[in-house]
Amino acid sequence: MAHVLLSPLSWGLGHATRDIPIIRTLLDHHHDVTIAASGNALTVLQYEFPECSFIEFNDYPAPYSTSRFFTPKFISSLPGIANALAEERRNLQRILEKNRYDLIISDNRPGVYSLKIPTLFVTHQIHYPLPLLFWPLELGSILANYFLFDNFTRVVVLDNPPGATSIAGKLSRPVRRLTDSKVFFAGILSSVQKTDSEQDLDYLVLISGPEPQRGCLEEILTPMLPGLDGTTIALLGSPQKKLVQSVSDHCTFISYATTQEKEHLMNRAKFIICRSGYTSMMELAELDKRHGLFIPTPGQPEQEYLSHYYSNTGWFYSKSQYNLNLPEDIPLAMKCNGFPVMPKTRENVKRLYDELLAQYID
């Protein structure tokens, strides 16, 4: 039995939930898993895996604001992130001094690595898109990634290899052979699985992501959803709250659903409204969902790029949260084709364990 330390980023719930298949697989192989996380990410994984050990381990301040100008906010937050990164390294060293680990898995936490212990970096982004005005920074981020990857044994990319089924597009595309040698394309990993359920829910709305933009989207959608023509359930992505509220005969708001509850609702849904966060994209691909409306987080280059990419491929329709008109937007979204067929989580996580994880812990 090996002892694995797994630490996801806490900017929203996506990093924590996409690690659920990895944690399940490790537990199924009788390994001991310690989860180091903070905020809602910690809360969610405590719900899902009470048998695991937990360490409250803060990461970096999320560089989001109520405005749509992400890049200037991100640049101004770099000194704070650098300080948090240095503190993260010190805290990790204290953790490693107290316990022995055979493998470290870091989901987008660049300070969580050891030069003495095999360490895997989980991401879907090798390439960071930025507005054209900031193209020198985009080039700089590519170079920074190469230095970052040097600290890790391998880089696990949660996407299919570059090609027609790549749902991250250029975000996951290596641009240098040196990167290729470290990258393991794991395919999509999702905490939800497809089931044979009756599709009796007209609309499922997933309000997620880090604050304050999660709350902004909730405020924008709350007055719109009761007017939709059909049964509607909105999950608010707030696991620290306890709320189930029916605002009309056919519209219900729920503060948080467990993985199993969310899986059931997503399988039932005919149409899904959500952010274009990458974890949500993997969930829709896993469930073979064809109809949805994406609302990218304002000013967040990754989500804006994915929305543009999917629009060009004809996969999904997106709309800014500032210009939403659901009665007009939903019919346009219904004309799109959804993601292409691709290998699913069950196959992908087995291959990830057999071909990569087992090298270090079996």
Protein backbone atom coordinates (compact mmCIF):
# COMPACT_ATOMS: atom_id res chain seq x y z
CA MET A 1 0.00 0.00 0.00
CA ALA A 2 1.35 3.41 -1.03
CA HIS A 3 0.68 6.76 0.62
CA VAL A 4 -0.38 9.47 -1.86
CA LEU A 5 -0.67 13.20 -1.20
CA LEU A 6 -3.15 14.91 -3.53
CA SER A 7 -3.66 18.68 -3.55
CA PRO A 8 -6.12 20.54 -5.83
CA LEU A 9 -6.35 24.28 -6.48
CA SER A 10 -9.33 25.88 -4.74
CA TRP A 11 -10.37 28.41 -7.44
CA GLY A 12 -13.92 27.06 -7.78
CA LEU A 13 -14.91 23.41 -7.45
CA GLY A 14 -13.63 22.17 -10.80
CA HIS A 15 -10.15 21.08 -9.76
CA ALA A 16 -11.48 19.15 -6.78
CA THR A 17 -14.30 17.39 -8.66
CA ARG A 18 -12.16 16.34 -11.61
CA ASP A 19 -9.76 14.67 -9.17
CA ILE A 20 -12.55 12.47 -7.81
CA PRO A 21 -11.99 9.64 -10.37
CA ILE A 22 -8.26 9.65 -9.54
CA ILE A 23 -8.93 9.45 -5.80
CA ARG A 24 -11.50 6.67 -6.28
CA THR A 25 -9.04 4.66 -8.37
CA LEU A 26 -6.29 5.04 -5.78
CA LEU A 27 -8.65 3.90 -3.02
CA ASP A 28 -9.89 0.98 -5.14
CA HIS A 29 -6.26 -0.16 -5.38
CA HIS A 30 -6.03 0.03 -1.56
CA HIS A 31 -3.71 3.03 -1.40
CA ASP A 32 -3.82 5.57 1.41
CA VAL A 33 -4.79 9.06 0.19
CA THR A 34 -4.25 12.33 2.03
CA ILE A 35 -5.99 15.37 0.54
CA ALA A 36 -4.48 18.82 1.13
CA ALA A 37 -6.91 21.57 0.14
CA SER A 38 -8.83 24.61 1.33
CA GLY A 39 -12.21 26.35 1.04
CA ASN A 40 -15.01 24.77 -0.97
CA ALA A 41 -12.59 22.31 -2.60
CA LEU A 42 -11.77 20.88 0.83
CA THR A 43 -15.46 20.77 1.81
CA VAL A 44 -16.48 18.89 -1.35
CA LEU A 45 -13.77 16.25 -1.03
CA GLN A 46 -14.59 15.74 2.66
CA TYR A 47 -18.19 15.05 1.57
CA GLU A 48 -17.07 12.57 -1.08
CA PHE A 49 -14.25 10.76 0.76
CA PRO A 50 -14.75 10.67 4.54
CA GLU A 51 -12.34 7.72 4.68
CA CYS A 52 -9.41 9.87 3.51
CA SER A 53 -7.09 11.98 5.65
CA PHE A 54 -7.32 15.75 5.22
CA ILE A 55 -5.00 18.70 5.69
CA GLU A 56 -6.20 22.28 5.43
CA PHE A 57 -3.70 23.73 2.99
CA ASN A 58 -4.28 27.21 1.58
CA ASP A 59 -3.25 28.05 -1.96
CA TYR A 60 -3.34 31.37 -3.84
CA PRO A 61 -5.77 34.31 -3.81
CA ALA A 62 -8.08 33.99 -6.80
CA PRO A 63 -7.47 36.98 -9.12
CA TYR A 64 -11.14 37.59 -9.90
CA SER A 65 -13.27 40.70 -9.46
CA THR A 66 -16.79 41.80 -10.23
CA SER A 67 -15.58 43.44 -13.46
CA ARG A 68 -14.80 41.78 -16.80
CA PHE A 69 -11.16 42.88 -16.78
CA PHE A 70 -9.36 39.73 -15.67
CA THR A 71 -5.90 40.29 -17.16
CA PRO A 72 -5.07 43.62 -15.42
CA LYS A 73 -6.42 42.18 -12.17
CA PHE A 74 -4.30 39.07 -12.64
CA ILE A 75 -1.15 41.09 -13.33
CA SER A 76 -1.73 43.28 -10.28
CA SER A 77 -2.23 40.16 -8.14
CA LEU A 78 1.09 38.54 -9.16
CA PRO A 79 3.04 39.82 -6.12
CA GLY A 80 0.40 38.36 -3.80
CA ILE A 81 0.41 35.07 -5.70
CA ALA A 82 4.22 34.95 -5.52
CA ASN A 83 4.09 35.42 -1.75
CA ALA A 84 1.42 32.74 -1.46
CA LEU A 85 3.53 30.41 -3.59
CA ALA A 86 6.52 30.88 -1.28
CA GLU A 87 4.30 30.21 1.74
CA GLU A 88 2.91 27.13 0.00
CA ARG A 89 6.45 25.75 -0.42
CA ARG A 90 7.16 26.29 3.29
CA ASN A 91 3.88 24.66 4.33
CA LEU A 92 4.47 21.70 2.03
CA GLN A 93 7.89 21.15 3.54
CA ARG A 94 6.31 21.00 7.01
CA ILE A 95 3.78 18.45 5.74
CA LEU A 96 6.50 16.29 4.19
CA GLU A 97 8.55 16.40 7.40
CA LYS A 98 5.63 14.96 9.39
CA ASN A 99 4.56 12.17 7.01
CA ARG A 100 6.05 9.88 4.39
CA TYR A 101 4.52 9.93 0.90
CA ASP A 102 5.29 7.75 -2.11
CA LEU A 103 3.63 10.01 -4.68
CA ILE A 104 2.43 13.62 -4.84
CA ILE A 105 -0.35 14.70 -7.22
CA SER A 106 -0.70 18.46 -7.66
CA ASP A 107 -3.75 19.74 -9.54
CA ASN A 108 -2.64 23.15 -10.82
CA ARG A 109 -0.67 24.01 -7.68
CA PRO A 110 2.84 24.83 -8.98
CA GLY A 111 4.34 24.98 -5.48
CA VAL A 112 3.25 21.47 -4.54
CA TYR A 113 6.18 19.33 -5.64
CA SER A 114 9.18 17.55 -4.23
CA LEU A 115 12.51 16.83 -5.91
CA LYS A 116 12.80 13.68 -3.76
CA ILE A 117 9.29 12.24 -4.32
CA PRO A 118 7.69 11.49 -7.72
CA THR A 119 5.30 14.37 -8.38
CA LEU A 120 2.61 14.63 -11.06
CA PHE A 121 1.17 17.95 -12.20
CA VAL A 122 -2.47 17.72 -13.35
CA THR A 123 -3.68 20.38 -15.77
CA HIS A 124 -5.51 20.94 -19.04
CA GLN A 125 -3.51 24.06 -19.89
CA ILE A 126 -0.06 23.98 -21.38
CA HIS A 127 -0.80 27.18 -23.27
CA TYR A 128 -2.42 30.21 -21.60
CA PRO A 129 -4.45 32.40 -23.98
CA LEU A 130 -4.44 36.14 -23.36
CA PRO A 131 -5.96 39.11 -25.23
CA LEU A 132 -3.93 40.26 -28.26
CA LEU A 133 -2.82 43.36 -26.36
CA PHE A 134 -0.94 41.11 -23.93
CA TRP A 135 0.68 38.75 -26.49
CA PRO A 136 4.19 39.21 -25.01
CA LEU A 137 2.82 37.91 -21.70
CA GLU A 138 1.27 34.94 -23.51
CA LEU A 139 4.67 34.04 -24.98
CA GLY A 140 6.22 34.55 -21.57
CA SER A 141 3.69 32.21 -19.98
CA ILE A 142 4.71 29.44 -22.40
CA LEU A 143 8.34 29.83 -21.35
CA ALA A 144 7.32 29.97 -17.69
CA ASN A 145 5.51 26.66 -18.12
CA TYR A 146 8.68 24.96 -19.31
CA PHE A 147 10.46 26.04 -16.14
CA LEU A 148 7.45 24.97 -14.09
CA PHE A 149 7.35 21.51 -15.66
CA ASP A 150 11.00 20.95 -14.76
CA ASN A 151 9.90 20.62 -11.11
CA PHE A 152 7.53 17.74 -11.88
CA THR A 153 8.12 14.15 -12.86
CA ARG A 154 5.27 14.12 -15.41
CA VAL A 155 2.50 16.44 -16.56
CA VAL A 156 -0.95 14.83 -16.77
CA VAL A 157 -3.07 16.67 -19.35
CA LEU A 158 -6.82 16.12 -19.00
CA ASP A 159 -7.63 16.10 -22.69
CA ASN A 160 -7.42 13.86 -25.72
CA PRO A 161 -4.27 14.22 -27.83
CA PRO A 162 -4.27 17.16 -30.29
CA GLY A 163 -6.75 16.52 -33.06
CA ALA A 164 -10.46 16.39 -33.84
CA THR A 165 -11.51 15.25 -30.35
CA SER A 166 -9.41 17.71 -28.33
CA ILE A 167 -11.91 19.70 -26.28
CA ALA A 168 -9.28 22.08 -24.88
CA GLY A 169 -8.01 23.10 -28.32
CA LYS A 170 -4.73 24.98 -28.25
CA LEU A 171 -4.80 25.12 -24.44
CA SER A 172 -3.54 21.53 -24.22
CA ARG A 173 -1.34 21.52 -27.32
CA PRO A 174 2.40 21.15 -26.65
CA VAL A 175 4.47 23.57 -28.69
CA ARG A 176 7.89 22.03 -28.08
CA ARG A 177 9.26 18.47 -28.14
CA LEU A 178 10.72 18.89 -24.65
CA THR A 179 7.18 19.35 -23.36
CA ASP A 180 5.97 16.30 -25.31
CA SER A 181 8.36 14.04 -23.41
CA LYS A 182 6.79 15.00 -20.07
CA VAL A 183 3.14 15.11 -21.11
CA PHE A 184 0.71 12.25 -20.56
CA PHE A 185 -2.63 12.82 -22.31
CA ALA A 186 -5.11 11.21 -19.93
CA GLY A 187 -8.28 12.09 -21.83
CA ILE A 188 -11.30 13.54 -20.06
CA LEU A 189 -11.84 12.78 -16.36
CA SER A 190 -15.24 13.48 -14.88
CA SER A 191 -16.81 12.81 -11.51
CA VAL A 192 -20.17 12.11 -13.17
CA GLN A 193 -21.08 9.01 -15.19
CA LYS A 194 -23.70 8.39 -17.82
CA THR A 195 -26.75 6.45 -16.65
CA ASP A 196 -29.89 5.19 -18.30
CA SER A 197 -32.17 7.92 -16.93
CA GLU A 198 -35.35 9.41 -18.30
CA GLN A 199 -34.70 12.95 -19.55
CA ASP A 200 -37.58 14.59 -17.70
CA LEU A 201 -35.80 17.80 -16.61
CA ASP A 202 -36.01 20.57 -19.18
CA TYR A 203 -33.24 22.81 -17.82
CA LEU A 204 -30.37 22.26 -15.39
CA VAL A 205 -28.43 25.40 -14.45
CA LEU A 206 -24.95 24.99 -12.93
CA ILE A 207 -23.81 28.18 -11.20
CA SER A 208 -20.17 27.64 -10.30
CA GLY A 209 -16.69 29.11 -10.13
CA PRO A 210 -14.80 31.32 -7.68
CA GLU A 211 -16.25 34.36 -6.02
CA PRO A 212 -17.23 37.08 -6.69
CA GLN A 213 -18.21 36.01 -10.22
CA ARG A 214 -20.14 32.95 -9.02
CA GLY A 215 -22.38 35.27 -7.00
CA CYS A 216 -22.70 37.71 -9.91
CA LEU A 217 -24.01 34.97 -12.18
CA GLU A 218 -26.45 33.84 -9.49
CA GLU A 219 -27.82 37.38 -9.24
CA ILE A 220 -28.19 37.64 -13.03
CA LEU A 221 -29.89 34.27 -13.54
CA THR A 222 -32.11 34.17 -10.47
CA PRO A 223 -34.86 36.45 -11.90
CA MET A 224 -34.66 34.82 -15.36
CA LEU A 225 -35.01 31.14 -14.53
CA PRO A 226 -38.60 31.06 -13.20
CA GLY A 227 -39.73 32.38 -16.59
CA LEU A 228 -38.33 29.46 -18.58
CA ASP A 229 -40.91 27.28 -20.28
CA GLY A 230 -40.23 23.98 -18.54
CA THR A 231 -39.01 22.37 -15.34
CA THR A 232 -35.81 24.01 -14.10
CA ILE A 233 -33.33 23.19 -11.33
CA ALA A 234 -30.43 25.51 -10.48
CA LEU A 235 -27.41 24.25 -8.50
CA LEU A 236 -25.74 27.24 -6.87
CA GLY A 237 -22.31 25.70 -6.20
CA SER A 238 -22.22 26.71 -2.52
CA PRO A 239 -21.42 23.59 -0.46
CA GLN A 240 -21.08 25.57 2.77
CA LYS A 241 -24.75 26.63 2.56
CA LYS A 242 -27.86 24.51 3.05
CA LEU A 243 -30.67 25.67 0.77
CA VAL A 244 -33.45 24.05 -1.22
CA GLN A 245 -35.96 26.63 -2.39
CA SER A 246 -38.84 26.25 -4.84
CA VAL A 247 -39.45 29.69 -6.33
CA SER A 248 -42.32 28.44 -8.51
CA ASP A 249 -44.12 25.22 -9.38
CA HIS A 250 -41.44 24.34 -11.94
CA CYS A 251 -38.25 26.12 -10.72
CA THR A 252 -36.07 25.07 -7.76
CA PHE A 253 -32.80 26.44 -6.39
CA ILE A 254 -30.42 24.09 -4.52
CA SER A 255 -27.28 25.39 -2.82
CA TYR A 256 -25.22 22.23 -3.38
CA ALA A 257 -25.62 18.69 -4.65
CA THR A 258 -23.32 15.75 -4.00
CA THR A 259 -21.57 14.11 -6.93
CA GLN A 260 -24.26 11.43 -7.07
CA GLU A 261 -27.10 13.96 -6.94
CA LYS A 262 -25.49 16.17 -9.58
CA GLU A 263 -24.86 13.14 -11.78
CA HIS A 264 -28.52 12.16 -11.55
CA LEU A 265 -29.70 15.68 -12.43
CA MET A 266 -27.27 16.03 -15.34
CA ASN A 267 -28.38 12.71 -16.80
CA ARG A 268 -32.01 13.82 -16.53
CA ALA A 269 -31.41 17.22 -18.14
CA LYS A 270 -32.37 17.94 -21.72
CA PHE A 271 -30.54 21.29 -21.71
CA ILE A 272 -27.69 22.55 -19.49
CA ILE A 273 -26.73 26.16 -18.76
CA CYS A 274 -23.29 26.64 -17.21
CA ARG A 275 -19.94 28.43 -17.25
CA SER A 276 -17.50 27.28 -19.92
CA GLY A 277 -15.13 26.06 -17.19
CA TYR A 278 -13.14 23.07 -18.35
CA THR A 279 -14.43 20.66 -15.70
CA SER A 280 -18.00 21.34 -16.79
CA MET A 281 -16.94 20.76 -20.40
CA MET A 282 -15.53 17.35 -19.49
CA GLU A 283 -18.78 16.49 -17.70
CA LEU A 284 -20.87 17.30 -20.77
CA ALA A 285 -18.52 15.29 -22.97
CA GLU A 286 -18.73 12.35 -20.53
CA LEU A 287 -22.53 12.39 -20.61
CA ASP A 288 -22.77 12.91 -24.40
CA LYS A 289 -24.87 16.01 -23.87
CA ARG A 290 -25.69 17.79 -27.11
CA HIS A 291 -27.60 20.87 -25.99
CA GLY A 292 -26.35 23.61 -23.70
CA LEU A 293 -25.64 27.30 -23.30
CA PHE A 294 -22.26 28.42 -21.99
CA ILE A 295 -21.67 31.67 -20.09
CA PRO A 296 -17.92 32.37 -19.86
CA THR A 297 -16.64 34.07 -16.72
CA PRO A 298 -16.12 37.71 -17.76
CA GLY A 299 -12.54 38.52 -18.69
CA GLN A 300 -11.28 35.00 -17.99
CA PRO A 301 -9.23 34.21 -21.12
CA GLU A 302 -9.47 30.42 -20.82
CA GLN A 303 -13.27 30.32 -20.73
CA GLU A 304 -13.58 33.00 -23.41
CA TYR A 305 -11.22 31.03 -25.65
CA LEU A 306 -13.16 27.78 -25.13
CA SER A 307 -16.45 29.54 -25.91
CA HIS A 308 -14.98 30.94 -29.14
CA TYR A 309 -13.43 27.58 -30.04
CA TYR A 310 -16.69 25.68 -29.55
CA SER A 311 -18.63 28.27 -31.53
CA ASN A 312 -16.22 27.87 -34.47
CA THR A 313 -16.51 24.08 -34.39
CA GLY A 314 -20.31 24.22 -34.09
CA TRP A 315 -20.22 22.24 -30.85
CA PHE A 316 -21.90 24.70 -28.46
CA TYR A 317 -23.27 28.25 -28.29
CA SER A 318 -22.09 30.84 -25.75
CA LYS A 319 -23.31 34.21 -24.57
CA SER A 320 -21.89 36.92 -22.31
CA GLN A 321 -23.62 37.17 -18.94
CA TYR A 322 -24.15 40.88 -19.59
CA ASN A 323 -26.23 40.23 -22.73
CA LEU A 324 -28.21 37.16 -21.75
CA ASN A 325 -31.67 36.77 -23.23
CA LEU A 326 -32.59 33.16 -22.51
CA PRO A 327 -35.73 33.00 -24.73
CA GLU A 328 -33.52 34.03 -27.69
CA ASP A 329 -30.31 32.27 -26.69
CA ILE A 330 -31.71 28.80 -26.00
CA PRO A 331 -33.13 28.23 -29.54
CA LEU A 332 -29.76 29.24 -31.03
CA ALA A 333 -27.97 26.85 -28.68
CA MET A 334 -30.30 24.01 -29.70
CA LYS A 335 -28.89 24.18 -33.27
CA CYS A 336 -25.38 23.11 -32.17
CA ASN A 337 -24.08 19.54 -32.40
CA GLY A 338 -22.36 18.90 -29.06
CA PHE A 339 -18.93 17.32 -28.56
CA PRO A 340 -17.69 14.48 -30.79
CA VAL A 341 -17.60 10.92 -29.48
CA MET A 342 -14.49 10.21 -27.40
CA PRO A 343 -13.12 7.75 -24.79
CA LYS A 344 -14.81 8.19 -21.41
CA THR A 345 -13.60 8.45 -17.83
CA ARG A 346 -13.81 4.74 -16.92
CA GLU A 347 -11.43 3.81 -19.74
CA ASN A 348 -9.23 6.87 -19.27
CA VAL A 349 -8.66 6.58 -15.52
CA LYS A 350 -7.83 2.87 -15.87
CA ARG A 351 -5.21 3.71 -18.49
CA LEU A 352 -3.89 6.55 -16.31
CA TYR A 353 -3.40 4.15 -13.42
CA ASP A 354 -2.00 1.25 -15.44
CA GLU A 355 0.36 3.27 -17.63
CA LEU A 356 1.46 6.04 -15.25
CA LEU A 357 0.43 5.94 -11.58
CA ALA A 358 1.36 2.29 -11.11
CA GLN A 359 4.95 3.07 -12.08
CA TYR A 360 5.37 4.93 -8.80
CA ILE A 361 3.12 3.16 -6.28
CA ASP A 362 2.82 -0.53 -7.24
